[in-house]
N, C-alpha and C. Protein backbone atom coordinates (compact mmCIF):
# COMPACT_ATOMS: atom_id res chain seq x y z
N MET A 1 15.28 -8.80 4.97
CA MET A 1 14.11 -8.74 4.77
C MET A 1 12.96 -9.51 5.38
N LEU A 2 13.29 -10.51 6.42
CA LEU A 2 12.36 -11.18 6.94
C LEU A 2 12.29 -10.54 7.97
N GLU A 3 12.67 -9.85 8.85
CA GLU A 3 12.09 -8.91 9.60
C GLU A 3 11.05 -8.05 9.49
N TYR A 4 11.06 -7.39 7.72
CA TYR A 4 10.35 -6.69 7.16
C TYR A 4 9.12 -7.46 6.98
N ALA A 5 9.04 -8.65 6.33
CA ALA A 5 8.14 -9.38 6.07
C ALA A 5 7.38 -9.77 7.37
N LYS A 6 7.96 -9.95 8.30
CA LYS A 6 6.97 -10.23 9.79
C LYS A 6 6.15 -8.80 9.99
N THR A 7 7.08 -7.69 9.99
CA THR A 7 6.08 -6.43 10.28
C THR A 7 5.27 -6.31 9.36
N ILE A 8 5.34 -6.27 8.14
CA ILE A 8 4.31 -6.17 7.07
C ILE A 8 3.03 -7.27 7.58
N LEU A 9 3.27 -8.41 7.80
CA LEU A 9 2.46 -9.43 7.70
C LEU A 9 1.52 -8.89 9.38
N GLN A 10 2.05 -8.67 10.17
CA GLN A 10 1.69 -8.20 11.50
C GLN A 10 0.48 -6.93 11.09
N LYS A 11 0.91 -6.08 10.47
CA LYS A 11 0.28 -5.12 9.99
C LYS A 11 -1.14 -5.35 9.31
N VAL A 12 -0.92 -5.94 8.41
CA VAL A 12 -2.16 -6.64 7.61
C VAL A 12 -2.94 -7.68 7.84
N SER A 13 -2.63 -8.36 8.95
CA SER A 13 -3.31 -9.54 9.52
C SER A 13 -4.98 -9.61 9.86
N PHE A 14 -5.10 -8.16 9.94
CA PHE A 14 -6.81 -7.97 10.21
C PHE A 14 -7.41 -8.27 8.84
N ASP A 15 -6.88 -8.48 7.91
CA ASP A 15 -7.57 -8.72 6.60
C ASP A 15 -7.17 -9.93 5.97
N LEU A 16 -7.77 -10.88 5.96
CA LEU A 16 -7.10 -12.37 5.22
C LEU A 16 -6.49 -12.22 3.68
N LYS A 17 -7.34 -11.52 2.79
CA LYS A 17 -6.70 -11.32 1.65
C LYS A 17 -5.58 -10.78 1.35
N LEU A 18 -5.43 -9.77 2.18
CA LEU A 18 -4.41 -8.72 1.87
C LEU A 18 -3.08 -9.56 2.77
N PHE A 19 -3.48 -10.31 3.82
CA PHE A 19 -2.33 -11.39 4.49
C PHE A 19 -2.04 -12.22 3.33
N GLU A 20 -2.36 -12.57 2.67
CA GLU A 20 -2.26 -13.84 2.05
C GLU A 20 -1.33 -13.26 0.79
N LYS A 21 -1.90 -12.16 0.18
CA LYS A 21 -0.87 -11.37 -0.91
C LYS A 21 0.51 -11.09 -0.28
N GLU A 22 0.31 -10.38 0.86
CA GLU A 22 1.86 -10.19 1.37
C GLU A 22 2.55 -11.10 1.95
N LEU A 23 1.98 -12.27 2.24
CA LEU A 23 2.81 -13.65 2.61
C LEU A 23 3.46 -14.00 1.35
N ARG A 24 2.53 -14.46 0.23
CA ARG A 24 3.25 -14.72 -0.86
C ARG A 24 4.29 -13.79 -1.44
N LYS A 25 4.05 -12.43 -1.57
CA LYS A 25 5.32 -11.42 -1.73
C LYS A 25 6.68 -11.97 -1.06
N ALA A 26 6.22 -12.04 0.43
CA ALA A 26 7.24 -12.25 1.29
C ALA A 26 8.12 -13.71 1.01
N ILE A 27 7.23 -14.58 0.66
CA ILE A 27 7.90 -15.95 0.54
C ILE A 27 8.58 -16.18 -1.14
N ALA A 28 8.10 -15.27 -2.16
CA ALA A 28 9.12 -15.00 -3.34
C ALA A 28 10.50 -14.11 -3.10
N SER A 29 10.48 -13.32 -2.27
CA SER A 29 11.71 -12.68 -2.02
C SER A 29 12.70 -13.27 -1.11
N LEU A 30 12.16 -14.07 -0.36
CA LEU A 30 13.30 -14.60 0.84
C LEU A 30 14.04 -15.69 0.32
N LEU A 31 15.31 -15.99 1.18
CA LEU A 31 15.70 -17.28 0.91
C LEU A 31 15.25 -18.45 1.53
N SER A 32 15.56 -19.16 0.95
CA SER A 32 15.06 -20.65 1.40
C SER A 32 14.93 -20.92 3.00
N GLU A 33 16.22 -20.44 3.48
CA GLU A 33 16.29 -20.39 4.95
C GLU A 33 15.54 -19.55 5.79
N GLU A 34 15.49 -18.33 4.97
CA GLU A 34 14.63 -17.51 5.68
C GLU A 34 12.62 -17.73 5.65
N ILE A 35 12.34 -18.55 4.50
CA ILE A 35 11.20 -18.84 4.33
C ILE A 35 10.98 -20.06 5.56
N ASN A 36 11.80 -21.05 5.99
CA ASN A 36 11.83 -21.62 6.88
C ASN A 36 11.49 -21.22 8.63
N LEU A 37 12.41 -20.01 8.59
CA LEU A 37 12.13 -19.28 9.58
C LEU A 37 10.54 -18.40 9.64
N LEU A 38 10.27 -17.90 8.66
CA LEU A 38 8.96 -17.48 8.50
C LEU A 38 7.99 -18.24 8.79
N ARG A 39 8.05 -19.46 7.84
CA ARG A 39 6.84 -20.63 8.22
C ARG A 39 6.73 -20.84 9.93
N ALA A 40 7.83 -21.21 10.41
CA ALA A 40 7.75 -21.41 11.73
C ALA A 40 7.20 -20.26 12.58
N TRP A 41 7.43 -18.90 12.20
CA TRP A 41 7.06 -17.80 13.00
C TRP A 41 5.35 -17.65 12.63
N CYS A 42 5.01 -17.52 11.29
CA CYS A 42 3.53 -17.57 11.12
C CYS A 42 2.64 -18.60 11.76
N TYR A 43 2.82 -19.70 11.73
CA TYR A 43 1.96 -20.98 12.35
C TYR A 43 2.00 -20.78 13.66
N GLU A 44 3.21 -20.25 14.14
CA GLU A 44 3.08 -19.48 15.79
C GLU A 44 1.98 -18.53 15.64
N LYS A 45 2.17 -17.56 15.30
CA LYS A 45 1.71 -16.33 15.37
C LYS A 45 0.38 -16.04 14.66
N PHE A 46 0.06 -16.66 13.65
CA PHE A 46 -1.36 -16.85 12.91
C PHE A 46 -2.04 -18.10 12.67
N LYS A 47 -1.96 -18.71 13.76
CA LYS A 47 -2.78 -20.42 13.80
C LYS A 47 -4.03 -20.11 13.26
N GLU A 48 -4.87 -18.83 13.27
CA GLU A 48 -6.21 -18.96 12.38
C GLU A 48 -5.98 -18.81 10.87
N TYR A 49 -5.11 -18.78 10.68
CA TYR A 49 -4.82 -18.63 9.34
C TYR A 49 -4.36 -19.75 8.67
N GLU A 50 -4.24 -20.86 9.26
CA GLU A 50 -3.60 -21.94 9.01
C GLU A 50 -3.86 -22.75 7.65
N ALA A 51 -5.07 -22.52 7.02
CA ALA A 51 -5.58 -23.03 5.73
C ALA A 51 -4.69 -21.98 4.59
N VAL A 52 -4.81 -20.94 4.87
CA VAL A 52 -4.05 -19.82 4.26
C VAL A 52 -2.55 -20.22 4.42
N LEU A 53 -1.94 -20.37 5.46
CA LEU A 53 -0.60 -20.73 5.51
C LEU A 53 0.03 -21.83 4.61
N ASN A 54 -0.66 -22.89 5.10
CA ASN A 54 -0.65 -24.31 4.50
C ASN A 54 -0.49 -24.06 2.73
N HIS A 55 -1.71 -23.21 2.12
CA HIS A 55 -1.41 -23.38 0.82
C HIS A 55 -0.39 -22.34 0.28
N CYS A 56 0.05 -21.23 0.89
CA CYS A 56 1.17 -20.29 0.26
C CYS A 56 2.32 -20.95 0.44
N PHE A 57 2.67 -21.69 1.75
CA PHE A 57 3.92 -22.58 1.57
C PHE A 57 3.90 -23.47 0.87
N ALA A 58 3.22 -24.18 0.75
CA ALA A 58 3.09 -25.38 -0.22
C ALA A 58 3.30 -24.96 -1.84
N GLN A 59 2.57 -23.73 -2.04
CA GLN A 59 3.12 -23.31 -3.57
C GLN A 59 4.27 -22.55 -3.41
N GLY A 60 4.74 -21.87 -2.60
CA GLY A 60 6.35 -21.62 -2.30
C GLY A 60 7.26 -22.52 -2.32
N GLN A 61 6.91 -23.54 -2.19
CA GLN A 61 8.16 -25.00 -2.37
C GLN A 61 7.94 -25.41 -3.60
N GLN A 62 6.67 -25.16 -4.41
CA GLN A 62 6.88 -25.77 -5.85
C GLN A 62 7.44 -24.57 -6.75
N ALA A 63 7.74 -23.52 -6.59
CA ALA A 63 8.16 -22.59 -7.37
C ALA A 63 9.30 -22.62 -7.34
């Protein structure tokens, strides 16, 4: 699932709202270890979306 989530995020990265929606779905469907790997990958790959990443990953930890 982690690789699938990465593929989807890359494909929708042109649209901030769609990216956020897909990121939330990925966080909800992954195991905690996978979320940590996804977090590191996202911050490396999508620096321009840092505010969205901060928000989504913070909310994912609360759930």
